[in-house]
Protein backbone atom coordinates (compact mmCIF):
# COMPACT_ATOMS: atom_id res chain seq x y z
CA UNK A 1 -93.02 38.73 69.26
CA UNK A 2 -96.24 40.83 67.70
CA UNK A 3 -98.55 40.13 71.20
CA UNK A 4 -98.54 42.09 74.07
CA UNK A 5 -100.83 39.44 76.04
CA UNK A 6 -100.97 35.92 75.98
CA UNK A 7 -103.79 34.54 77.96
CA UNK A 8 -104.14 30.98 78.75
CA UNK A 9 -107.00 28.50 79.74
CA UNK A 10 -105.95 26.45 82.32
CA UNK A 11 -107.39 22.92 82.80
CA UNK A 12 -105.65 20.83 80.14
CA UNK A 13 -104.12 23.85 79.02
CA UNK A 14 -100.92 24.27 81.84
CA UNK A 15 -102.57 21.70 84.17
CA UNK A 16 -102.84 17.88 84.00
CA UNK A 17 -106.85 17.87 85.05
CA UNK A 18 -108.42 15.31 82.90
CA UNK A 19 -108.39 12.41 85.34
CA UNK A 20 -109.36 14.55 87.90
CA UNK A 21 -112.29 15.58 85.72
CA UNK A 22 -113.33 12.52 84.94
CA UNK A 23 -112.73 11.81 88.57
CA UNK A 24 -115.18 13.80 89.96
CA UNK A 25 -117.53 14.13 87.31
CA UNK A 26 -118.37 10.74 87.67
CA UNK A 27 -118.88 11.17 91.46
CA UNK A 28 -121.35 13.31 90.54
CA UNK A 29 -122.99 12.28 87.80
CA UNK A 30 -125.83 10.10 89.84
CA UNK A 31 -126.79 13.21 91.68
CA UNK A 32 -127.66 14.51 88.83
CA UNK A 33 -129.35 11.70 87.22
CA UNK A 34 -126.67 11.76 84.27
CA UNK A 35 -124.45 8.20 83.33
CA UNK A 36 -120.84 8.09 84.35
CA UNK A 37 -118.32 8.10 81.65
CA UNK A 38 -116.31 5.01 81.24
CA UNK A 39 -112.21 5.31 80.55
CA UNK A 40 -112.22 4.27 77.17
CA UNK A 41 -114.83 6.59 76.06
CA UNK A 42 -112.42 9.69 76.66
CA UNK A 43 -110.96 8.71 73.11
CA UNK A 44 -114.47 9.13 71.14
CA UNK A 45 -115.43 11.69 73.24
CA UNK A 46 -112.06 14.15 72.52
CA UNK A 47 -113.38 14.34 68.99
CA UNK A 48 -116.70 15.98 70.00
CA UNK A 49 -117.63 19.77 70.43
CA UNK A 50 -118.89 20.58 73.82
CA UNK A 51 -122.66 20.88 72.24
CA UNK A 52 -122.17 17.11 71.01
CA UNK A 53 -120.53 15.97 74.51
CA UNK A 54 -123.75 17.60 76.55
CA UNK A 55 -125.87 15.25 74.00
CA UNK A 56 -124.07 12.26 74.29
CA UNK A 57 -124.40 12.23 77.53
CA UNK A 58 -127.98 13.78 78.23
CA UNK A 59 -126.79 16.84 80.47
CA UNK A 60 -129.16 19.65 80.58
CA UNK A 61 -127.63 23.02 79.73
CA UNK A 62 -129.23 24.18 82.84
CA UNK A 63 -127.20 21.59 84.81
CA UNK A 64 -123.77 22.94 83.93
CA UNK A 65 -123.26 26.04 85.64
CA UNK A 66 -124.07 23.70 89.05
CA UNK A 67 -121.72 20.51 88.23
CA UNK A 68 -118.89 23.13 87.65
CA UNK A 69 -119.23 24.86 90.75
CA UNK A 70 -119.41 21.58 92.52
CA UNK A 71 -116.37 19.92 90.88
CA UNK A 72 -114.23 22.62 91.33
CA UNK A 73 -114.81 22.90 94.78
CA UNK A 74 -114.15 19.10 94.96
CA UNK A 75 -110.76 19.72 92.53
CA UNK A 76 -109.75 21.74 95.08
CA UNK A 77 -108.91 19.11 97.68
CA UNK A 78 -106.29 17.61 95.00
CA UNK A 79 -104.97 20.16 93.36
CA UNK A 80 -101.63 20.53 94.80
CA UNK A 81 -101.33 17.02 93.53
CA UNK A 82 -102.10 17.40 90.03
CA UNK A 83 -99.48 17.77 87.59
CA UNK A 84 -98.38 20.93 85.27
CA UNK A 85 -98.14 19.91 81.50
CA UNK A 86 -94.97 18.79 80.80
CA UNK A 87 -92.54 21.14 79.47
CA UNK A 88 -94.86 24.27 80.75
CA UNK A 89 -92.61 25.92 83.22
CA UNK A 90 -90.13 26.29 80.84
CA UNK A 91 -91.97 27.02 78.44
CA UNK A 92 -94.17 30.05 80.19
CA UNK A 93 -91.12 31.37 82.21
CA UNK A 94 -89.07 32.09 78.58
CA UNK A 95 -92.12 33.46 76.75
CA UNK A 96 -93.18 35.83 80.15
CA UNK A 97 -89.61 37.73 79.26
CA UNK A 98 -91.35 38.78 75.96
CA UNK A 99 -95.01 40.16 76.79
CA UNK A 100 -96.01 43.07 78.75
CA UNK A 101 -98.48 40.54 80.34
CA UNK A 102 -99.39 36.61 81.28
CA UNK A 103 -102.96 35.79 82.30
CA UNK A 104 -105.82 33.44 82.37
CA UNK A 105 -109.30 32.86 81.98
CA UNK A 106 -110.78 29.61 82.86
CA UNK A 107 -113.86 27.74 84.10
CA UNK A 108 -111.99 26.49 87.10
CA UNK A 109 -112.15 28.57 90.25
CA UNK A 110 -109.52 31.21 90.45
CA UNK A 111 -108.49 29.95 94.15
CA UNK A 112 -107.96 26.33 92.19
CA UNK A 113 -105.63 27.83 89.97
CA UNK A 114 -103.89 29.80 92.47
CA UNK A 115 -102.74 27.53 94.63
CA UNK A 116 -101.93 25.29 92.06
CA UNK A 117 -99.90 27.85 90.47
CA UNK A 118 -97.81 28.68 93.57
CA UNK A 119 -97.14 24.89 94.43
CA UNK A 120 -95.65 25.02 90.97
CA UNK A 121 -93.48 28.34 90.87
CA UNK A 122 -95.31 30.06 88.91
CA UNK A 123 -97.89 32.43 89.97
CA UNK A 124 -95.63 35.50 89.72
CA UNK A 125 -96.05 35.18 85.96
CA UNK A 126 -99.11 35.86 85.60
CA UNK A 127 -100.90 39.61 86.30
CA UNK A 128 -104.39 38.07 86.48
CA UNK A 129 -106.49 35.10 86.89
CA UNK A 130 -110.18 35.37 85.61
CA UNK A 131 -112.85 33.12 86.18
CA UNK A 132 -116.20 31.97 84.24
CA UNK A 133 -119.23 29.52 85.13
CA UNK A 134 -120.40 29.43 82.27
CA UNK A 135 -118.82 26.96 79.31
CA UNK A 136 -119.55 28.85 76.65
CA UNK A 137 -118.68 32.44 78.33
CA UNK A 138 -115.08 33.33 77.40
CA UNK A 139 -115.89 35.43 74.71
CA UNK A 140 -117.70 37.65 76.35
CA UNK A 141 -114.52 38.14 79.17
CA UNK A 142 -112.00 38.06 76.39
CA UNK A 143 -112.82 41.50 75.42
CA UNK A 144 -113.13 42.44 78.86
CA UNK A 145 -110.14 41.48 78.98
CA UNK A 146 -107.94 43.20 75.96
CA UNK A 147 -110.44 46.26 76.66
CA UNK A 148 -108.98 46.48 80.12
CA UNK A 149 -105.10 46.09 78.93
CA UNK A 150 -106.10 48.89 76.49
CA UNK A 151 -104.90 45.94 73.45
CA UNK A 152 -105.89 45.65 69.94
CA UNK A 153 -107.24 42.61 68.75
CA UNK A 154 -104.19 41.49 67.00
CA UNK A 155 -101.79 42.20 70.15
CA UNK A 156 -103.88 39.38 72.40
CA UNK A 157 -103.25 35.77 72.04
CA UNK A 158 -105.37 33.02 73.86
CA UNK A 159 -104.37 29.94 74.04
CA UNK A 160 -106.51 26.84 75.09
CA UNK A 161 -107.13 23.10 74.71
CA UNK A 162 -110.72 22.95 73.79
CA UNK A 163 -113.09 23.41 70.61
CA UNK A 164 -114.41 26.39 72.84
CA UNK A 165 -111.71 27.94 73.55
CA UNK A 166 -111.16 28.59 70.09
CA UNK A 167 -114.59 29.06 69.52
CA UNK A 168 -114.80 31.98 71.89
CA UNK A 169 -111.82 33.45 70.37
CA UNK A 170 -112.99 33.38 67.49
CA UNK A 171 -116.22 35.08 68.38
CA UNK A 172 -113.88 37.67 70.18
CA UNK A 173 -111.42 38.34 67.12
CA UNK A 174 -108.65 38.18 68.62
CA UNK A 175 -106.29 35.49 67.55
CA UNK A 176 -105.34 32.22 69.46
CA UNK A 177 -103.53 29.12 69.51
CA UNK A 178 -104.80 25.59 70.19
CA UNK A 179 -102.69 23.43 72.12
CA UNK A 180 -102.90 18.96 71.32
CA UNK A 181 -102.35 17.70 74.62
CA UNK A 182 -105.97 18.66 76.36
CA UNK A 183 -108.77 17.44 75.94
CA UNK A 184 -110.33 18.06 72.00
CA UNK A 185 -108.03 16.12 69.51
CA UNK A 186 -105.66 16.90 67.12
CA UNK A 187 -108.33 16.60 64.30
CA UNK A 188 -111.13 18.49 66.20
CA UNK A 189 -108.99 21.18 66.85
CA UNK A 190 -107.64 21.41 63.04
CA UNK A 191 -110.64 21.34 61.52
CA UNK A 192 -112.16 24.57 63.67
CA UNK A 193 -109.04 26.69 61.84
CA UNK A 194 -106.98 27.65 64.87
CA UNK A 195 -104.21 30.66 64.30
CA UNK A 196 -101.38 28.29 65.88
CA UNK A 197 -101.77 24.57 66.08
CA UNK A 198 -99.46 23.41 69.15
CA UNK A 199 -98.00 19.59 69.66
CA UNK A 200 -95.95 20.13 72.60
CA UNK A 201 -95.46 23.33 75.19
CA UNK A 202 -91.64 24.43 73.59
CA UNK A 203 -93.61 25.03 70.51
CA UNK A 204 -94.84 28.32 72.40
CA UNK A 205 -91.33 29.57 71.02
CA UNK A 206 -92.62 29.24 67.85
CA UNK A 207 -94.68 32.98 68.78
CA UNK A 208 -91.36 34.45 68.97
CA UNK A 209 -90.46 34.37 64.95
């Protein structure tokens, strides 16, 4: 393993939160004068970037932090009932043996992530859980994490399921792996040119060479 640290996104990457996120969004939408999203629209939205989604749903960017804050608070009620991505427990447990540090960088709340990881017996694997309320603020956090752990750019890998995760890693100038079981489609992720493209959690083991 050439990476000393693996940093993961949470929603859609480790936890299967898509259905719950859609449910919460549709509950909040009337409060913000935003239209609700029908389930049949998800397949099309998965091909879009964050900017395109905000435009498609007519969501003002200034509203995003408030929607995230309220949404993560609402998710807390059901967080223990949400499912772990199939195969993730074994993949994380094995990969943890081969790196110095495991971490999470997410737009969800640290409290939600902590409860979820403890529920699924994974909390002990992670040195840190970091949260950002800004959907486009992950690059700065990735750079800060790298410096905190005294890592070179090519010693840390960020793993996420969205185009914005790939973009954040590219902006932070670190390697990145896009996973195809989360929000954005495989086709859209492939076009974003990630360092790696994984179709199932077991593919993490390919990092071991």
